[in-house]
């Protein structure tokens, strides 16, 4: 089946409250879901990235070979993922601005009423993602003149992390919804935020149609880690990266 999935990475929210009109542009690039992160341009399973959390930078390092037997595959007819997070706001006020409390409530409402529906999906996941990473690290030596991993810097700095694409969910078709999914074109959806505060949601077409072709992932699962050095060589440990969605969105051109 040929994949033809429309990627709605941007949508427009019009907040109306007591004479206050504000256009709130919400970016869903690299938004997170309970199943993983929306794939907004990252590589296939096995792709490794270096993250500099302080500089808010990310860059692709390489694709690590993964044995076929190390990947678990599964699939089903359909899958619905709800409660996306990681939206970013850009506000352009007309007659005043929504308060921070109202924006927080809008974020919560958008998250709770968002869903990604996939049909004819397949899931692939590395059983033990650290194993191919460790195997690759054993090939590295402290005397290597060329070090795309920047290991010396990573060991010295608390701001250097790594991201490894450890799994993906692909689909024959998928669509992102806010509110009632019966409104297939995304126009005229009304979302109640609080008393006297409604959001009228409209999707823009600033993003190109993406995720086309068989096997291109819609959702990716990431394994994040740091590297340290012990008496017997390099070691890795899982680590949480602050504001990872924001870093990846800022560095999208380098991914």
Protein backbone atom coordinates (compact mmCIF):
# COMPACT_ATOMS: atom_id res chain seq x y z
CA UNK A 1 0.00 0.00 0.00
CA UNK A 2 1.36 3.43 -0.95
CA UNK A 3 1.42 5.85 1.95
CA UNK A 4 -0.12 9.27 1.41
CA UNK A 5 -0.33 11.00 4.77
CA UNK A 6 -1.07 14.69 5.12
CA UNK A 7 1.17 16.21 7.79
CA UNK A 8 -0.65 18.99 9.64
CA UNK A 9 2.29 20.48 11.52
CA UNK A 10 0.70 23.88 12.00
CA UNK A 11 -2.80 24.88 12.92
CA UNK A 12 -4.43 28.18 13.77
CA UNK A 13 -6.40 28.77 16.94
CA UNK A 14 -8.62 31.83 17.24
CA UNK A 15 -9.36 32.66 20.87
CA UNK A 16 -12.33 34.92 21.58
CA UNK A 17 -12.87 36.19 25.11
CA UNK A 18 -14.71 39.33 26.22
CA UNK A 19 -13.72 41.30 23.13
CA UNK A 20 -10.21 39.83 23.06
CA UNK A 21 -9.25 38.33 19.69
CA UNK A 22 -5.89 36.66 19.32
CA UNK A 23 -4.45 34.46 16.60
CA UNK A 24 -2.48 31.70 18.30
CA UNK A 25 -0.25 29.70 15.95
CA UNK A 26 0.49 26.26 17.36
CA UNK A 27 3.39 24.21 15.99
CA UNK A 28 3.12 20.44 16.37
CA UNK A 29 6.54 19.61 14.93
CA UNK A 30 8.17 16.93 17.11
CA UNK A 31 5.15 16.85 19.42
CA UNK A 32 5.19 13.88 21.78
CA UNK A 33 2.59 11.15 22.21
CA UNK A 34 2.33 8.21 24.61
CA UNK A 35 3.61 6.03 21.74
CA UNK A 36 6.58 8.25 20.83
CA UNK A 37 7.35 11.46 18.96
CA UNK A 38 5.76 12.71 15.74
CA UNK A 39 8.33 12.13 13.03
CA UNK A 40 8.99 15.59 11.62
CA UNK A 41 12.03 14.76 9.54
CA UNK A 42 14.27 12.40 11.54
CA UNK A 43 15.94 9.32 10.11
CA UNK A 44 15.21 5.60 10.12
CA UNK A 45 15.71 3.12 12.95
CA UNK A 46 19.37 3.12 13.97
CA UNK A 47 20.00 6.82 13.27
CA UNK A 48 22.08 8.55 15.95
CA UNK A 49 22.06 12.26 16.83
CA UNK A 50 24.16 14.45 19.10
CA UNK A 51 22.31 16.97 21.27
CA UNK A 52 23.81 20.08 22.85
CA UNK A 53 21.12 21.05 25.36
CA UNK A 54 22.79 24.35 26.34
CA UNK A 55 23.12 25.59 22.76
CA UNK A 56 19.75 24.08 21.73
CA UNK A 57 21.45 22.26 18.84
CA UNK A 58 21.08 18.80 17.32
CA UNK A 59 23.01 17.15 14.50
CA UNK A 60 22.98 13.77 12.83
CA UNK A 61 26.03 11.60 13.49
CA UNK A 62 25.50 8.33 11.63
CA UNK A 63 23.25 5.31 11.20
CA UNK A 64 24.29 2.42 13.42
CA UNK A 65 23.88 -1.07 11.93
CA UNK A 66 21.13 -3.08 13.65
CA UNK A 67 20.82 -6.83 13.18
CA UNK A 68 17.50 -7.92 11.74
CA UNK A 69 16.90 -10.33 14.63
CA UNK A 70 17.22 -7.47 17.13
CA UNK A 71 14.06 -5.76 15.84
CA UNK A 72 10.57 -6.75 17.01
CA UNK A 73 7.82 -6.23 14.43
CA UNK A 74 4.06 -6.11 15.01
CA UNK A 75 0.98 -4.55 13.43
CA UNK A 76 -2.79 -4.33 13.35
CA UNK A 77 -5.67 -2.80 11.41
CA UNK A 78 -5.88 0.54 13.18
CA UNK A 79 -4.42 2.57 16.02
CA UNK A 80 -5.62 5.77 17.70
CA UNK A 81 -3.17 7.83 19.75
CA UNK A 82 -4.48 10.66 21.90
CA UNK A 83 -3.14 13.44 24.13
CA UNK A 84 -0.31 14.90 22.09
CA UNK A 85 2.00 17.25 23.97
CA UNK A 86 4.88 19.58 23.17
CA UNK A 87 2.94 22.28 21.29
CA UNK A 88 4.59 25.69 20.98
CA UNK A 89 2.64 28.97 20.81
CA UNK A 90 3.11 32.16 18.80
CA UNK A 91 0.53 34.79 19.77
CA UNK A 92 -0.54 37.74 17.60
CA UNK A 93 -3.10 39.76 19.58
CA UNK A 94 -5.71 42.04 18.01
CA UNK A 95 -7.67 43.47 20.95
CA UNK A 96 -5.54 42.53 23.92
CA UNK A 97 -3.98 39.21 24.74
CA UNK A 98 -5.16 35.99 26.40
CA UNK A 99 -3.74 35.57 29.89
CA UNK A 100 -1.07 33.00 30.69
CA UNK A 101 -3.70 31.03 32.59
CA UNK A 102 -5.96 30.97 29.52
CA UNK A 103 -3.09 29.87 27.30
CA UNK A 104 -2.25 27.09 29.77
CA UNK A 105 -5.88 25.94 29.70
CA UNK A 106 -5.87 26.12 25.90
CA UNK A 107 -2.77 23.94 25.79
CA UNK A 108 -4.39 21.39 28.10
CA UNK A 109 -7.61 21.38 26.06
CA UNK A 110 -5.76 20.95 22.77
CA UNK A 111 -3.72 18.11 24.25
CA UNK A 112 -6.73 16.30 25.72
CA UNK A 113 -8.77 16.56 22.49
CA UNK A 114 -6.00 15.81 20.00
CA UNK A 115 -5.63 12.44 18.35
CA UNK A 116 -3.63 10.76 15.63
CA UNK A 117 -5.48 7.97 13.80
CA UNK A 118 -3.45 5.40 11.85
CA UNK A 119 -4.78 2.59 9.69
CA UNK A 120 -2.91 -0.40 8.30
CA UNK A 121 -0.07 0.35 10.69
CA UNK A 122 3.08 -1.58 11.53
CA UNK A 123 5.37 -1.19 14.52
CA UNK A 124 9.11 -1.93 14.65
CA UNK A 125 11.18 -1.64 17.80
CA UNK A 126 14.71 -2.62 18.81
CA UNK A 127 14.42 -5.00 21.76
CA UNK A 128 17.57 -3.73 23.52
CA UNK A 129 18.55 -0.39 21.90
CA UNK A 130 21.70 -0.02 24.00
CA UNK A 131 23.31 -3.14 22.49
CA UNK A 132 24.07 -1.77 18.98
CA UNK A 133 25.20 1.51 20.57
CA UNK A 134 27.67 -0.26 22.87
CA UNK A 135 28.91 -2.41 19.98
CA UNK A 136 29.59 0.73 17.94
CA UNK A 137 31.32 2.45 20.85
CA UNK A 138 33.76 -0.45 21.14
CA UNK A 139 35.03 0.49 17.69
CA UNK A 140 35.93 3.96 18.96
CA UNK A 141 39.29 4.64 20.58
CA UNK A 142 40.43 7.69 22.57
CA UNK A 143 43.23 8.21 20.03
CA UNK A 144 40.91 8.49 17.03
CA UNK A 145 41.68 11.72 15.16
CA UNK A 146 38.21 11.84 13.62
CA UNK A 147 35.47 11.66 16.21
CA UNK A 148 31.99 12.39 14.83
CA UNK A 149 30.55 11.42 18.22
CA UNK A 150 32.49 14.26 19.95
CA UNK A 151 33.13 11.82 22.80
CA UNK A 152 35.74 13.94 24.61
CA UNK A 153 33.33 16.87 24.75
CA UNK A 154 30.44 14.61 25.76
CA UNK A 155 32.41 13.18 28.67
CA UNK A 156 33.47 16.63 29.93
CA UNK A 157 30.11 18.37 29.53
CA UNK A 158 26.79 17.82 31.26
CA UNK A 159 25.05 19.45 28.29
CA UNK A 160 25.90 16.80 25.67
CA UNK A 161 23.44 13.96 25.07
CA UNK A 162 22.68 11.44 22.35
CA UNK A 163 19.40 10.44 20.70
CA UNK A 164 19.00 7.05 19.01
CA UNK A 165 15.98 6.19 16.86
CA UNK A 166 15.00 2.88 18.47
CA UNK A 167 11.56 2.27 17.00
CA UNK A 168 8.90 3.48 14.61
CA UNK A 169 5.23 3.18 13.72
CA UNK A 170 4.39 3.37 10.02
CA UNK A 171 0.93 3.40 8.46
CA UNK A 172 -0.92 3.03 5.21
CA UNK A 173 -2.82 6.19 6.13
CA UNK A 174 -2.85 8.54 9.09
CA UNK A 175 -4.51 11.79 10.07
CA UNK A 176 -4.17 14.26 12.89
CA UNK A 177 -7.36 15.61 14.50
CA UNK A 178 -8.31 18.26 17.02
CA UNK A 179 -11.82 18.01 18.43
CA UNK A 180 -14.43 16.10 16.47
CA UNK A 181 -12.77 13.94 13.84
CA UNK A 182 -15.92 13.95 11.71
CA UNK A 183 -14.85 17.42 10.53
CA UNK A 184 -12.33 15.98 8.11
CA UNK A 185 -11.05 19.23 6.62
CA UNK A 186 -10.17 20.75 10.00
CA UNK A 187 -12.30 23.87 9.49
CA UNK A 188 -14.80 25.36 11.90
CA UNK A 189 -14.06 23.10 14.85
CA UNK A 190 -15.13 24.73 18.11
CA UNK A 191 -13.19 23.77 21.22
CA UNK A 192 -14.32 24.99 24.65
CA UNK A 193 -11.41 26.10 26.85
CA UNK A 194 -13.32 27.48 29.82
CA UNK A 195 -16.52 29.45 30.50
CA UNK A 196 -16.90 32.21 27.88
CA UNK A 197 -13.72 31.06 26.13
CA UNK A 198 -13.96 29.03 22.94
CA UNK A 199 -11.27 28.22 20.40
CA UNK A 200 -12.11 28.07 16.70
CA UNK A 201 -9.48 25.81 15.14
CA UNK A 202 -8.40 25.94 11.52
CA UNK A 203 -5.51 24.07 9.94
CA UNK A 204 -3.07 25.94 7.73
CA UNK A 205 -1.28 24.40 4.77
CA UNK A 206 2.15 25.83 5.48
CA UNK A 207 3.58 22.34 5.81
CA UNK A 208 4.08 20.22 2.75
CA UNK A 209 2.45 16.81 2.34
CA UNK A 210 4.90 14.41 3.97
CA UNK A 211 5.41 10.81 5.08
CA UNK A 212 4.85 9.52 1.55
CA UNK A 213 5.95 6.06 0.48
CA UNK A 214 5.82 2.63 2.02
CA UNK A 215 7.52 2.25 5.40
CA UNK A 216 8.08 5.94 6.22
CA UNK A 217 7.52 6.32 9.99
CA UNK A 218 4.78 8.54 11.39
CA UNK A 219 5.78 8.00 15.03
CA UNK A 220 9.32 7.36 16.22
CA UNK A 221 10.51 6.02 19.57
CA UNK A 222 13.72 7.56 20.87
CA UNK A 223 16.34 6.18 23.25
CA UNK A 224 18.19 9.08 24.90
CA UNK A 225 21.48 8.60 26.72
CA UNK A 226 24.79 10.03 27.89
CA UNK A 227 28.32 8.65 27.52
CA UNK A 228 30.88 8.39 30.31
CA UNK A 229 34.32 6.81 30.44
CA UNK A 230 35.40 4.09 32.86
CA UNK A 231 38.48 1.97 33.40
CA UNK A 232 37.32 -0.51 30.75
CA UNK A 233 36.20 2.00 28.14
CA UNK A 234 33.10 4.00 27.29
CA UNK A 235 29.81 3.43 29.10
CA UNK A 236 26.29 4.66 28.37
CA UNK A 237 23.38 5.46 30.66
CA UNK A 238 19.84 6.46 29.78
CA UNK A 239 19.09 10.13 30.40
CA UNK A 240 16.22 12.56 30.02
CA UNK A 241 16.94 15.54 27.75
CA UNK A 242 15.22 18.78 28.81
CA UNK A 243 13.07 20.39 26.09
CA UNK A 244 14.02 17.78 23.49
CA UNK A 245 11.08 18.67 21.22
CA UNK A 246 12.15 22.32 21.17
CA UNK A 247 15.78 21.43 20.41
CA UNK A 248 14.83 19.16 17.52
CA UNK A 249 12.39 21.73 16.10
CA UNK A 250 15.08 24.44 16.23
CA UNK A 251 17.60 22.15 14.51
CA UNK A 252 15.24 20.54 11.98
CA UNK A 253 17.42 21.54 9.03
CA UNK A 254 20.35 19.55 10.47
CA UNK A 255 18.44 16.30 10.96
